């Protein structure tokens, strides 16, 4: 079992190709390619934290995509994930977990708050805001990490690939010394 992260897939969103620099000619091409990339990475027992804005298609399109995706999906509601729609989808048991706001997970003595919107949690060592929502915009703080498909942090990966927890931890590990230093400097004042 592996743990993965993604956000802001915007399956079936016709205007996302105008808003972001996604490498597709059509929204159908984008949706199919991202489903294929997902299934090439994710095994049946893998956990996928999707941090919101899953699909902007209708109910049937959303259900169809969920039925095609591998893994145990844990969805954090985004601003385009409507509670009424997801309440119906949840009855189909197509997602492992659904959270209206967010959850906290721990990994290698680090705390991560998984939400759709970036949180300002203060510059604290081993404390992270993991989110999406801002697409290709950079985060404001070092301990905010955007795991969305348009994230500049992971733009070295082929578009649409999910982020493994070890890839995320590598970024966290690289940023930790600077965060610890700044935290100590703030405390010395």
N, C-alpha and C. Protein backbone atom coordinates (compact mmCIF):
# COMPACT_ATOMS: atom_id res chain seq x y z
N UNK A 1 0.84 -1.19 0.00
CA UNK A 1 0.00 0.00 0.00
C UNK A 1 0.88 1.25 0.00
N UNK A 2 0.55 2.19 -0.87
CA UNK A 2 1.25 3.46 -0.97
C UNK A 2 0.26 4.59 -0.72
N UNK A 3 0.79 5.76 -0.39
CA UNK A 3 -0.04 6.94 -0.16
C UNK A 3 0.33 8.00 -1.18
N UNK A 4 -0.70 8.58 -1.78
CA UNK A 4 -0.54 9.55 -2.87
C UNK A 4 -1.39 10.79 -2.62
N UNK A 5 -1.04 11.87 -3.31
CA UNK A 5 -1.75 13.14 -3.17
C UNK A 5 -2.00 13.76 -4.55
N UNK A 6 -3.12 14.45 -4.65
CA UNK A 6 -3.42 15.27 -5.82
C UNK A 6 -4.51 16.25 -5.46
N UNK A 7 -4.77 17.18 -6.35
CA UNK A 7 -5.84 18.15 -6.15
C UNK A 7 -6.14 18.82 -7.48
N UNK A 8 -7.31 19.41 -7.55
CA UNK A 8 -7.69 20.26 -8.68
C UNK A 8 -7.59 19.57 -10.03
N UNK A 9 -8.01 18.31 -10.08
CA UNK A 9 -8.02 17.61 -11.37
C UNK A 9 -9.01 18.25 -12.33
N UNK A 10 -10.11 18.78 -11.81
CA UNK A 10 -11.10 19.46 -12.65
C UNK A 10 -11.51 18.61 -13.85
N UNK A 11 -11.72 17.31 -13.62
CA UNK A 11 -12.20 16.46 -14.70
C UNK A 11 -13.44 17.10 -15.35
N UNK A 12 -13.52 17.05 -16.65
CA UNK A 12 -14.65 17.56 -17.45
C UNK A 12 -14.85 19.07 -17.34
N UNK A 13 -13.86 19.82 -16.91
CA UNK A 13 -14.00 21.27 -16.82
C UNK A 13 -13.53 21.89 -18.12
N UNK A 14 -14.46 22.39 -18.89
CA UNK A 14 -14.15 22.91 -20.23
C UNK A 14 -13.25 24.14 -20.20
N UNK A 15 -13.39 24.98 -19.20
CA UNK A 15 -12.64 26.23 -19.20
C UNK A 15 -11.25 26.12 -18.56
N UNK A 16 -10.95 24.99 -17.92
CA UNK A 16 -9.65 24.88 -17.24
C UNK A 16 -8.49 24.98 -18.22
N UNK A 17 -8.71 24.56 -19.46
CA UNK A 17 -7.64 24.64 -20.47
C UNK A 17 -7.32 26.10 -20.80
N UNK A 18 -8.28 27.00 -20.63
CA UNK A 18 -8.04 28.43 -20.83
C UNK A 18 -7.38 29.05 -19.60
N UNK A 19 -7.71 28.54 -18.41
CA UNK A 19 -7.21 29.12 -17.17
C UNK A 19 -5.79 28.69 -16.84
N UNK A 20 -5.44 27.45 -17.17
CA UNK A 20 -4.13 26.89 -16.83
C UNK A 20 -3.43 26.40 -18.09
N UNK A 21 -2.15 26.22 -18.00
CA UNK A 21 -1.35 25.79 -19.15
C UNK A 21 -1.27 24.26 -19.18
N UNK A 22 -2.41 23.61 -19.34
CA UNK A 22 -2.44 22.15 -19.38
C UNK A 22 -2.17 21.68 -20.81
N UNK A 23 -1.41 20.61 -20.95
CA UNK A 23 -0.93 20.19 -22.28
C UNK A 23 -1.95 19.38 -23.09
N UNK A 24 -3.15 19.92 -23.26
CA UNK A 24 -4.19 19.18 -23.97
C UNK A 24 -4.92 20.10 -24.95
N UNK A 25 -5.44 19.50 -26.01
CA UNK A 25 -6.23 20.24 -26.99
C UNK A 25 -7.70 20.31 -26.59
N UNK A 26 -8.18 19.25 -25.93
CA UNK A 26 -9.59 19.20 -25.54
C UNK A 26 -9.72 18.72 -24.10
N UNK A 27 -10.86 19.02 -23.50
CA UNK A 27 -11.12 18.59 -22.13
C UNK A 27 -11.28 17.07 -22.06
N UNK A 28 -11.81 16.45 -23.11
CA UNK A 28 -11.93 14.99 -23.14
C UNK A 28 -10.56 14.33 -23.16
N UNK A 29 -9.64 14.90 -23.93
CA UNK A 29 -8.26 14.38 -23.97
C UNK A 29 -7.62 14.49 -22.58
N UNK A 30 -7.84 15.63 -21.93
CA UNK A 30 -7.29 15.84 -20.58
C UNK A 30 -7.85 14.81 -19.60
N UNK A 31 -9.16 14.66 -19.59
CA UNK A 31 -9.81 13.75 -18.65
C UNK A 31 -9.32 12.32 -18.85
N UNK A 32 -9.27 11.86 -20.07
CA UNK A 32 -8.84 10.49 -20.34
C UNK A 32 -7.37 10.28 -19.99
N UNK A 33 -6.52 11.25 -20.32
CA UNK A 33 -5.09 11.11 -20.02
C UNK A 33 -4.86 11.08 -18.51
N UNK A 34 -5.56 11.94 -17.77
CA UNK A 34 -5.36 11.96 -16.32
C UNK A 34 -5.90 10.69 -15.67
N UNK A 35 -6.97 10.13 -16.18
CA UNK A 35 -7.46 8.85 -15.66
C UNK A 35 -6.43 7.76 -15.93
N UNK A 36 -5.88 7.73 -17.13
CA UNK A 36 -4.85 6.72 -17.47
C UNK A 36 -3.61 6.86 -16.59
N UNK A 37 -3.15 8.10 -16.39
CA UNK A 37 -1.97 8.31 -15.55
C UNK A 37 -2.25 7.88 -14.11
N UNK A 38 -3.42 8.21 -13.62
CA UNK A 38 -3.83 7.81 -12.27
C UNK A 38 -3.74 6.29 -12.14
N UNK A 39 -4.38 5.58 -13.06
CA UNK A 39 -4.44 4.12 -12.97
C UNK A 39 -3.10 3.45 -13.23
N UNK A 40 -2.20 4.10 -13.95
CA UNK A 40 -0.86 3.55 -14.14
C UNK A 40 -0.02 3.66 -12.87
N UNK A 41 -0.34 4.62 -12.01
CA UNK A 41 0.41 4.81 -10.77
C UNK A 41 -0.22 4.11 -9.58
N UNK A 42 -1.52 4.07 -9.53
CA UNK A 42 -2.24 3.70 -8.32
C UNK A 42 -2.71 2.26 -8.38
N UNK A 43 -2.41 1.50 -7.33
CA UNK A 43 -2.88 0.13 -7.20
C UNK A 43 -4.18 0.11 -6.39
N UNK A 44 -4.83 -1.02 -6.37
CA UNK A 44 -6.13 -1.18 -5.73
C UNK A 44 -6.11 -0.74 -4.26
N UNK A 45 -5.10 -1.11 -3.49
CA UNK A 45 -5.05 -0.81 -2.06
C UNK A 45 -4.37 0.50 -1.71
N UNK A 46 -3.87 1.23 -2.69
CA UNK A 46 -3.23 2.51 -2.43
C UNK A 46 -4.25 3.52 -1.93
N UNK A 47 -3.77 4.44 -1.10
CA UNK A 47 -4.62 5.53 -0.60
C UNK A 47 -4.29 6.79 -1.40
N UNK A 48 -5.33 7.44 -1.88
CA UNK A 48 -5.17 8.69 -2.62
C UNK A 48 -5.94 9.78 -1.88
N UNK A 49 -5.19 10.79 -1.40
CA UNK A 49 -5.82 11.97 -0.82
C UNK A 49 -6.03 12.96 -1.96
N UNK A 50 -7.28 13.19 -2.31
CA UNK A 50 -7.61 14.18 -3.34
C UNK A 50 -8.12 15.41 -2.60
N UNK A 51 -7.40 16.53 -2.74
CA UNK A 51 -7.68 17.70 -1.93
C UNK A 51 -8.61 18.70 -2.61
N UNK A 52 -9.58 18.17 -3.32
CA UNK A 52 -10.67 19.01 -3.79
C UNK A 52 -10.65 19.39 -5.25
N UNK A 53 -11.83 19.84 -5.68
CA UNK A 53 -12.11 20.17 -7.08
C UNK A 53 -11.83 18.98 -7.98
N UNK A 54 -12.53 17.91 -7.67
CA UNK A 54 -12.37 16.64 -8.36
C UNK A 54 -12.89 16.71 -9.80
N UNK A 55 -14.16 17.02 -9.97
CA UNK A 55 -14.78 17.00 -11.30
C UNK A 55 -15.77 18.14 -11.42
N UNK A 56 -15.76 18.82 -12.54
CA UNK A 56 -16.73 19.87 -12.78
C UNK A 56 -17.80 19.43 -13.78
N UNK A 57 -17.84 18.14 -14.06
CA UNK A 57 -18.90 17.59 -14.89
C UNK A 57 -20.15 17.37 -14.05
N UNK A 58 -21.12 16.72 -14.63
CA UNK A 58 -22.36 16.46 -13.90
C UNK A 58 -22.20 15.22 -13.01
N UNK A 59 -23.28 14.89 -12.32
CA UNK A 59 -23.28 13.76 -11.40
C UNK A 59 -22.84 12.47 -12.10
N UNK A 60 -23.43 12.17 -13.25
CA UNK A 60 -23.13 10.93 -13.97
C UNK A 60 -21.66 10.88 -14.40
N UNK A 61 -21.13 12.00 -14.88
CA UNK A 61 -19.72 12.04 -15.28
C UNK A 61 -18.80 11.82 -14.08
N UNK A 62 -19.15 12.40 -12.96
CA UNK A 62 -18.35 12.24 -11.75
C UNK A 62 -18.36 10.78 -11.29
N UNK A 63 -19.53 10.17 -11.26
CA UNK A 63 -19.66 8.76 -10.87
C UNK A 63 -18.87 7.88 -11.83
N UNK A 64 -18.97 8.16 -13.13
CA UNK A 64 -18.26 7.36 -14.13
C UNK A 64 -16.75 7.40 -13.89
N UNK A 65 -16.21 8.56 -13.60
CA UNK A 65 -14.77 8.67 -13.35
C UNK A 65 -14.40 7.91 -12.08
N UNK A 66 -15.15 8.11 -11.01
CA UNK A 66 -14.85 7.41 -9.76
C UNK A 66 -14.86 5.90 -9.95
N UNK A 67 -15.76 5.38 -10.75
CA UNK A 67 -15.83 3.95 -11.00
C UNK A 67 -14.62 3.44 -11.77
N UNK A 68 -13.94 4.32 -12.47
CA UNK A 68 -12.80 3.92 -13.30
C UNK A 68 -11.46 4.05 -12.59
N UNK A 69 -11.41 4.77 -11.47
CA UNK A 69 -10.13 5.07 -10.82
C UNK A 69 -9.73 4.00 -9.81
N UNK A 70 -8.45 3.67 -9.80
CA UNK A 70 -7.89 2.74 -8.82
C UNK A 70 -7.69 3.45 -7.48
N UNK A 71 -7.57 2.64 -6.44
CA UNK A 71 -7.20 3.14 -5.13
C UNK A 71 -8.38 3.50 -4.25
N UNK A 72 -8.02 3.79 -3.01
CA UNK A 72 -8.99 4.20 -2.00
C UNK A 72 -8.92 5.72 -1.91
N UNK A 73 -9.91 6.37 -2.48
CA UNK A 73 -9.91 7.83 -2.58
C UNK A 73 -10.47 8.44 -1.31
N UNK A 74 -9.69 9.38 -0.76
CA UNK A 74 -10.11 10.15 0.41
C UNK A 74 -10.22 11.59 -0.05
N UNK A 75 -11.44 12.03 -0.26
CA UNK A 75 -11.67 13.36 -0.85
C UNK A 75 -11.89 14.41 0.23
N UNK A 76 -11.15 15.50 0.10
CA UNK A 76 -11.37 16.71 0.88
C UNK A 76 -12.16 17.64 -0.04
N UNK A 77 -13.29 18.11 0.40
CA UNK A 77 -14.17 18.93 -0.43
C UNK A 77 -13.47 20.21 -0.87
N UNK A 78 -13.58 20.50 -2.17
CA UNK A 78 -13.09 21.75 -2.73
C UNK A 78 -14.23 22.69 -3.01
N UNK A 79 -13.92 23.90 -3.45
CA UNK A 79 -14.97 24.87 -3.70
C UNK A 79 -15.87 24.50 -4.89
N UNK A 80 -15.44 23.57 -5.74
CA UNK A 80 -16.28 23.11 -6.85
C UNK A 80 -16.88 21.73 -6.59
N UNK A 81 -16.70 21.19 -5.40
CA UNK A 81 -17.28 19.90 -5.02
C UNK A 81 -18.51 20.19 -4.16
N UNK A 82 -19.67 20.03 -4.75
CA UNK A 82 -20.89 20.45 -4.08
C UNK A 82 -21.38 19.38 -3.11
N UNK A 83 -21.66 19.79 -1.88
CA UNK A 83 -22.04 18.87 -0.81
C UNK A 83 -23.25 18.03 -1.19
N UNK A 84 -24.22 18.63 -1.84
CA UNK A 84 -25.43 17.91 -2.23
C UNK A 84 -25.09 16.76 -3.19
N UNK A 85 -24.25 17.02 -4.18
CA UNK A 85 -23.83 16.00 -5.14
C UNK A 85 -23.03 14.91 -4.44
N UNK A 86 -22.08 15.32 -3.59
CA UNK A 86 -21.23 14.33 -2.93
C UNK A 86 -21.98 13.53 -1.87
N UNK A 87 -23.04 14.10 -1.33
CA UNK A 87 -23.86 13.32 -0.40
C UNK A 87 -24.52 12.15 -1.13
N UNK A 88 -24.93 12.37 -2.38
CA UNK A 88 -25.49 11.27 -3.19
C UNK A 88 -24.39 10.29 -3.60
N UNK A 89 -23.24 10.80 -3.97
CA UNK A 89 -22.13 9.94 -4.40
C UNK A 89 -21.65 9.07 -3.24
N UNK A 90 -21.60 9.63 -2.04
CA UNK A 90 -21.13 8.87 -0.88
C UNK A 90 -21.97 7.64 -0.61
N UNK A 91 -23.24 7.69 -0.95
CA UNK A 91 -24.11 6.53 -0.76
C UNK A 91 -23.74 5.37 -1.68
N UNK A 92 -22.97 5.66 -2.74
CA UNK A 92 -22.53 4.63 -3.68
C UNK A 92 -21.23 3.95 -3.23
N UNK A 93 -20.61 4.48 -2.18
CA UNK A 93 -19.36 3.93 -1.63
C UNK A 93 -18.23 3.90 -2.67
N UNK A 94 -18.13 4.98 -3.45
CA UNK A 94 -17.07 5.08 -4.45
C UNK A 94 -15.84 5.80 -3.92
N UNK A 95 -15.97 6.42 -2.75
CA UNK A 95 -14.81 7.02 -2.09
C UNK A 95 -14.65 6.37 -0.72
N UNK A 96 -13.41 6.22 -0.31
CA UNK A 96 -13.09 5.61 0.97
C UNK A 96 -13.48 6.52 2.13
N UNK A 97 -13.20 7.82 1.96
CA UNK A 97 -13.55 8.83 2.97
C UNK A 97 -13.92 10.12 2.25
N UNK A 98 -14.78 10.90 2.88
CA UNK A 98 -15.16 12.22 2.37
C UNK A 98 -15.11 13.17 3.55
N UNK A 99 -14.43 14.32 3.37
CA UNK A 99 -14.29 15.30 4.44
C UNK A 99 -14.71 16.67 3.91
N UNK A 100 -15.61 17.30 4.62
CA UNK A 100 -16.11 18.62 4.21
C UNK A 100 -15.03 19.71 4.32
N UNK A 101 -14.13 19.60 5.29
CA UNK A 101 -13.14 20.66 5.50
C UNK A 101 -11.71 20.14 5.37
N UNK A 102 -11.34 19.13 6.11
CA UNK A 102 -9.98 18.63 6.05
C UNK A 102 -9.69 17.63 7.14
N UNK A 103 -8.47 17.13 7.13
CA UNK A 103 -8.02 16.18 8.15
C UNK A 103 -6.54 16.41 8.42
N UNK A 104 -6.09 15.83 9.52
CA UNK A 104 -4.66 15.87 9.86
C UNK A 104 -4.12 14.45 9.75
N UNK A 105 -2.96 14.32 9.12
CA UNK A 105 -2.24 13.05 9.12
C UNK A 105 -0.82 13.31 9.59
N UNK A 106 -0.16 12.25 10.04
CA UNK A 106 1.24 12.37 10.49
C UNK A 106 2.09 11.41 9.68
N UNK A 107 3.33 11.85 9.42
CA UNK A 107 4.27 11.04 8.66
C UNK A 107 5.68 11.42 9.08
N UNK A 108 6.47 10.45 9.50
CA UNK A 108 7.86 10.70 9.92
C UNK A 108 7.99 11.88 10.88
N UNK A 109 7.12 11.91 11.88
CA UNK A 109 7.13 12.94 12.92
C UNK A 109 6.78 14.34 12.40
N UNK A 110 6.12 14.40 11.27
CA UNK A 110 5.62 15.66 10.72
C UNK A 110 4.10 15.61 10.75
N UNK A 111 3.47 16.76 11.06
CA UNK A 111 2.02 16.88 11.02
C UNK A 111 1.63 17.60 9.74
N UNK A 112 0.63 17.04 9.05
CA UNK A 112 0.16 17.64 7.80
C UNK A 112 -1.34 17.85 7.89
N UNK A 113 -1.76 19.09 7.69
CA UNK A 113 -3.18 19.39 7.62
C UNK A 113 -3.56 19.42 6.15
N UNK A 114 -4.43 18.50 5.76
CA UNK A 114 -4.87 18.37 4.38
C UNK A 114 -6.18 19.11 4.21
N UNK A 115 -6.17 20.15 3.41
CA UNK A 115 -7.35 20.96 3.15
C UNK A 115 -7.34 21.36 1.67
N UNK A 116 -8.44 21.88 1.20
CA UNK A 116 -8.45 22.37 -0.18
C UNK A 116 -7.72 23.71 -0.27
N UNK A 117 -8.05 24.61 0.64
CA UNK A 117 -7.43 25.93 0.66
C UNK A 117 -6.15 25.90 1.49
N UNK A 118 -5.09 26.62 1.05
CA UNK A 118 -3.89 26.70 1.89
C UNK A 118 -4.23 27.36 3.23
N UNK A 119 -3.66 26.81 4.29
CA UNK A 119 -3.87 27.36 5.63
C UNK A 119 -2.61 28.10 6.08
N UNK A 120 -2.83 29.18 6.79
CA UNK A 120 -1.72 29.89 7.41
C UNK A 120 -1.62 29.38 8.84
N UNK A 121 -0.69 28.45 9.05
CA UNK A 121 -0.57 27.81 10.36
C UNK A 121 0.60 28.36 11.17
N UNK A 122 1.27 29.36 10.65
CA UNK A 122 2.45 29.90 11.31
C UNK A 122 3.66 29.07 10.93
N UNK A 123 4.79 29.70 10.89
CA UNK A 123 6.02 29.01 10.50
C UNK A 123 6.51 28.18 11.68
N UNK A 124 6.15 26.92 11.68
CA UNK A 124 6.51 26.00 12.75
C UNK A 124 7.20 24.78 12.16
N UNK A 125 8.27 24.33 12.78
CA UNK A 125 8.95 23.13 12.29
C UNK A 125 8.03 21.91 12.32
N UNK A 126 8.08 21.15 11.27
CA UNK A 126 7.36 19.88 11.14
C UNK A 126 5.83 20.02 11.14
N UNK A 127 5.35 21.20 10.78
CA UNK A 127 3.91 21.48 10.67
C UNK A 127 3.67 21.98 9.25
N UNK A 128 2.72 21.35 8.54
CA UNK A 128 2.55 21.62 7.11
C UNK A 128 1.10 21.81 6.73
N UNK A 129 0.86 22.77 5.88
CA UNK A 129 -0.42 22.93 5.22
C UNK A 129 -0.27 22.31 3.83
N UNK A 130 -0.98 21.21 3.59
CA UNK A 130 -0.95 20.53 2.30
C UNK A 130 -2.30 20.81 1.63
N UNK A 131 -2.28 21.38 0.44
CA UNK A 131 -3.54 21.83 -0.16
C UNK A 131 -3.44 21.86 -1.68
N UNK A 132 -4.47 22.40 -2.24
CA UNK A 132 -4.55 22.66 -3.69
C UNK A 132 -5.06 24.07 -3.85
N UNK A 133 -6.11 24.22 -4.65
CA UNK A 133 -6.88 25.44 -4.87
C UNK A 133 -6.17 26.53 -5.66
N UNK A 134 -4.90 26.77 -5.45
CA UNK A 134 -4.24 27.92 -6.07
C UNK A 134 -3.63 27.58 -7.43
N UNK A 135 -3.83 26.36 -7.89
CA UNK A 135 -3.37 25.90 -9.21
C UNK A 135 -1.89 26.21 -9.42
N UNK A 136 -1.54 27.04 -10.39
CA UNK A 136 -0.13 27.25 -10.72
C UNK A 136 0.49 28.43 -9.97
N UNK A 137 -0.25 29.02 -9.05
CA UNK A 137 0.30 30.12 -8.25
C UNK A 137 1.22 29.55 -7.17
N UNK A 138 2.27 30.26 -6.82
CA UNK A 138 3.14 29.77 -5.72
C UNK A 138 2.47 29.98 -4.36
N UNK A 139 2.84 29.14 -3.41
CA UNK A 139 2.36 29.32 -2.04
C UNK A 139 3.01 30.54 -1.41
N UNK A 140 2.40 31.05 -0.36
CA UNK A 140 2.91 32.23 0.34
C UNK A 140 4.01 31.86 1.33
N UNK A 141 3.88 30.71 2.00
CA UNK A 141 4.80 30.34 3.06
C UNK A 141 5.52 29.04 2.75
N UNK A 142 6.70 28.86 3.34
CA UNK A 142 7.52 27.67 3.11
C UNK A 142 6.83 26.38 3.52
N UNK A 143 5.98 26.46 4.55
CA UNK A 143 5.34 25.24 5.04
C UNK A 143 3.94 25.04 4.46
N UNK A 144 3.66 25.68 3.35
CA UNK A 144 2.45 25.42 2.57
C UNK A 144 2.89 24.71 1.29
N UNK A 145 2.33 23.54 1.05
CA UNK A 145 2.71 22.77 -0.13
C UNK A 145 1.48 22.46 -0.97
N UNK A 146 1.53 22.88 -2.21
CA UNK A 146 0.44 22.69 -3.17
C UNK A 146 0.67 21.37 -3.90
N UNK A 147 -0.28 20.44 -3.74
CA UNK A 147 -0.17 19.13 -4.41
C UNK A 147 -1.09 19.02 -5.61
N UNK A 148 -1.63 20.13 -6.07
CA UNK A 148 -2.51 20.13 -7.23
C UNK A 148 -1.78 19.78 -8.51
N UNK A 149 -2.53 19.36 -9.50
CA UNK A 149 -1.92 18.94 -10.77
C UNK A 149 -1.19 20.08 -11.47
N UNK A 150 -1.54 21.32 -11.16
CA UNK A 150 -0.88 22.47 -11.78
C UNK A 150 0.23 23.06 -10.91
N UNK A 151 0.55 22.42 -9.80
CA UNK A 151 1.49 22.96 -8.82
C UNK A 151 2.88 23.21 -9.41
N UNK A 152 3.42 24.41 -9.17
CA UNK A 152 4.79 24.68 -9.62
C UNK A 152 5.84 23.86 -8.85
N UNK A 153 5.51 23.40 -7.65
CA UNK A 153 6.46 22.62 -6.85
C UNK A 153 6.78 21.30 -7.54
N UNK A 154 5.78 20.72 -8.20
CA UNK A 154 5.95 19.41 -8.82
C UNK A 154 5.85 19.47 -10.35
N UNK A 155 6.18 20.63 -10.91
CA UNK A 155 6.07 20.80 -12.37
C UNK A 155 7.10 19.98 -13.15
N UNK A 156 8.09 19.42 -12.46
CA UNK A 156 9.08 18.56 -13.12
C UNK A 156 8.49 17.19 -13.49
N UNK A 157 7.35 16.85 -12.89
CA UNK A 157 6.70 15.57 -13.16
C UNK A 157 5.83 15.69 -14.42
N UNK A 158 5.60 14.57 -15.09
CA UNK A 158 4.65 14.62 -16.21
C UNK A 158 3.28 15.09 -15.71
N UNK A 159 2.64 15.94 -16.49
CA UNK A 159 1.38 16.53 -16.06
C UNK A 159 0.36 15.45 -15.73
N UNK A 160 -0.33 15.63 -14.61
CA UNK A 160 -1.40 14.73 -14.22
C UNK A 160 -0.97 13.58 -13.33
N UNK A 161 0.34 13.38 -13.17
CA UNK A 161 0.78 12.31 -12.28
C UNK A 161 0.55 12.73 -10.83
N UNK A 162 0.21 11.76 -10.01
CA UNK A 162 0.00 12.02 -8.60
C UNK A 162 1.34 12.08 -7.87
N UNK A 163 1.30 12.60 -6.65
CA UNK A 163 2.51 12.82 -5.86
C UNK A 163 2.57 11.77 -4.75
N UNK A 164 3.61 10.98 -4.75
CA UNK A 164 3.79 9.96 -3.73
C UNK A 164 4.21 10.63 -2.43
N UNK A 165 3.84 10.04 -1.31
CA UNK A 165 4.16 10.64 -0.01
C UNK A 165 5.67 10.83 0.16
N UNK A 166 6.49 9.97 -0.41
CA UNK A 166 7.94 10.15 -0.30
C UNK A 166 8.43 11.36 -1.10
N UNK A 167 7.77 11.65 -2.23
CA UNK A 167 8.11 12.85 -2.99
C UNK A 167 7.74 14.10 -2.20
N UNK A 168 6.58 14.05 -1.57
CA UNK A 168 6.13 15.17 -0.75
C UNK A 168 7.07 15.34 0.44
N UNK A 169 7.43 14.24 1.08
CA UNK A 169 8.31 14.32 2.24
C UNK A 169 9.70 14.85 1.86
N UNK A 170 10.15 14.54 0.67
CA UNK A 170 11.45 15.05 0.21
C UNK A 170 11.45 16.58 0.21
N UNK A 171 10.37 17.18 -0.29
CA UNK A 171 10.26 18.64 -0.29
C UNK A 171 10.19 19.15 1.15
N UNK A 172 9.43 18.48 1.98
CA UNK A 172 9.32 18.87 3.38
C UNK A 172 10.69 18.79 4.06
N UNK A 173 11.40 17.72 3.81
CA UNK A 173 12.72 17.51 4.41
C UNK A 173 13.71 18.59 3.95
N UNK A 174 13.63 18.97 2.68
CA UNK A 174 14.52 20.01 2.15
C UNK A 174 14.22 21.37 2.77
N UNK A 175 12.96 21.64 3.06
CA UNK A 175 12.56 22.94 3.59
C UNK A 175 12.69 23.04 5.12
N UNK A 176 12.75 21.92 5.79
CA UNK A 176 12.74 21.91 7.26
C UNK A 176 13.89 22.71 7.87
N UNK A 177 15.14 22.59 7.42
CA UNK A 177 16.21 23.37 8.07
C UNK A 177 15.97 24.88 8.01
N UNK A 178 15.50 25.37 6.88
CA UNK A 178 15.24 26.81 6.75
C UNK A 178 14.09 27.23 7.67
N UNK A 179 13.05 26.40 7.76
CA UNK A 179 11.93 26.70 8.64
C UNK A 179 12.39 26.70 10.10
N UNK A 180 13.20 25.70 10.48
CA UNK A 180 13.70 25.65 11.85
C UNK A 180 14.54 26.88 12.18
N UNK A 181 15.38 27.29 11.24
CA UNK A 181 16.23 28.47 11.45
C UNK A 181 15.37 29.72 11.63
N UNK A 182 14.39 29.92 10.76
CA UNK A 182 13.52 31.10 10.85
C UNK A 182 12.70 31.06 12.15
N UNK A 183 12.27 29.88 12.54
CA UNK A 183 11.51 29.73 13.78
C UNK A 183 12.38 30.14 14.98
N UNK A 184 13.64 29.69 15.01
CA UNK A 184 14.54 30.05 16.10
C UNK A 184 14.83 31.56 16.10
N UNK A 185 14.98 32.15 14.93
CA UNK A 185 15.21 33.59 14.83
C UNK A 185 14.00 34.37 15.37
N UNK A 186 12.79 33.89 15.05
CA UNK A 186 11.57 34.56 15.56
C UNK A 186 11.51 34.47 17.08
N UNK A 187 11.90 33.35 17.63
CA UNK A 187 11.85 33.14 19.08
C UNK A 187 12.92 33.95 19.81
N UNK A 188 14.01 34.30 19.13
CA UNK A 188 15.11 35.04 19.75
C UNK A 188 14.81 36.53 19.88
N UNK A 189 13.81 36.99 19.19
CA UNK A 189 13.51 38.43 19.20
C UNK A 189 12.93 38.85 20.54
